[in-house]
Amino acid sequence: MFADPDVAGAGLSPAAISVLFILWSACSFLFEIPTGILADRVPRRRLLVIGPVLTAAGFALWTWWPSFASFATGFVLWSAGSALRSGTMQALIYDTLSARGHAARYASVSGRLRAFGAAGVLLGTASAVPLAAWAGYHAAGAASVVACLVCAAASWSLPEDAPPGGGASEGDHSHGGPATEADAVWAVPAVAIRAVCADRALCGLFLLVIALTWVSALDEYLPLLADEIWPAGMWGWEPASGVAVLMVVVAVGDIAGGWAARRTRVEVLTARRTAPWLIIGAVALAVGSGSAHPAGIVLVACAFAIFGWAFVMTEALMQQRVSADVRATTSSVVGVGEEVVAVAAFGSWALGSGWLSPSVLFALAAVPYAVLGMVLAGGVGATTARASARYPKSTE
């Protein structure tokens, strides 16, 4: 839409659009950890409500007051809204389940959340084009605003049985003024980082969760892969229709991965059980994309399902070892790592796209997962429930 000259205030140049994306990425980095600290000091449900409201405000600017300034402000608001939910949702879910004695169900709930999220994206993508064709760009924008407000209302209904108690340094509040308060605030990320560094198992899980986001960062390029492997005139369909069908197949795989996580018992998960699946996923991604045939998208979807399942399960193992006082902050630090991985993925694609086709690039993207699977199969690092039990929790 930013480059569409038919949208008043849009029709931006490639350079201007690049500036917007750079601003978006920069704000995502800047907001991630501060919002995590905030989520470890104030009721998390409030932040989960405020986040979608900020995003809705950004979409409203885009819809009714389109201009470069509105687009830039919208990206800032979107980044802030996303950061307020990043880490906060995981922390609220885990601590509430733990307070009710059901911490082991976190992976199941997280898997369902991922599946429903992927289904929501699929539904939104599928409805955007006909909605815009029926009632114009403003209708699609208004629907986006309404969806965010519905999300905010749903967030308000969430239970929060274990709200943050002010962090590890709460006891310092009675001894001073602003300086003491500032020290208490910045003690939260310090405690989180020390905990990760001191606990070998937690450090391994921390790095593994970040690494598993590699291929997810490349899903922005899936339409390019689908466009390459869908032959012109196949079944008499237009290329755009064929690409849409292939994208739906991958989305279904992502949904299946999240749903599979709810059927997996995190208590018995081990690296040797996870590693073969990562290797299978890597092979499926390499063969499916490398085949450059429409049927290969089924294997790509299977790969996304496996990687999504592995991410949910590993993140659940990590949550088991994190102290409740710094849970949201730790998840936000993971979010920063995921942003770094995303930048690396985008940069790798930009470098390789000048010489290699999308199918080859996706096949190469499977290599890190194959290596990761072999490393885990070799038992490097205490990154599982069984192995991590040999190490005391330094955060308690």
Foldseek 3Di string as FASTA:
>chain_A
DQCDPVDPQHNDDPVLVVVLVVLLLVLLLVQQQLLLLVQLAFFLLVLQLVLLLLLLCLLVCCQPPHHSVSSSSNSNSNSNSVSNCQLSVLLQQQVVCVVVVRNQQSLLVQLQVQLVVLVVVLVLVVVLVVQCVVPHPNRNSVVSSVVSNVSSVVSNPDDRPDGRPRFPLVVQVVPDDDVSSVVSSVVLLVLLVVLLVVQQQLVVLLVVLLLLCQVVLVVVCLLQLQLQLDDDCVVHDHSVVSSSVLNVLLSVLLSLLSNVSSVDRQLPDALLVLLVLLQQLLVLQLCLLLVSHSVSSNSPSPSNSSSNNVSSSSVSQSLVLDDSSNSSSSSSVSVSSNSVSSVVSVVVCVVCVVPDGPSNSRNVSSVVSNVVSVCSNVVPTQHGNVSSVVTDRPSD
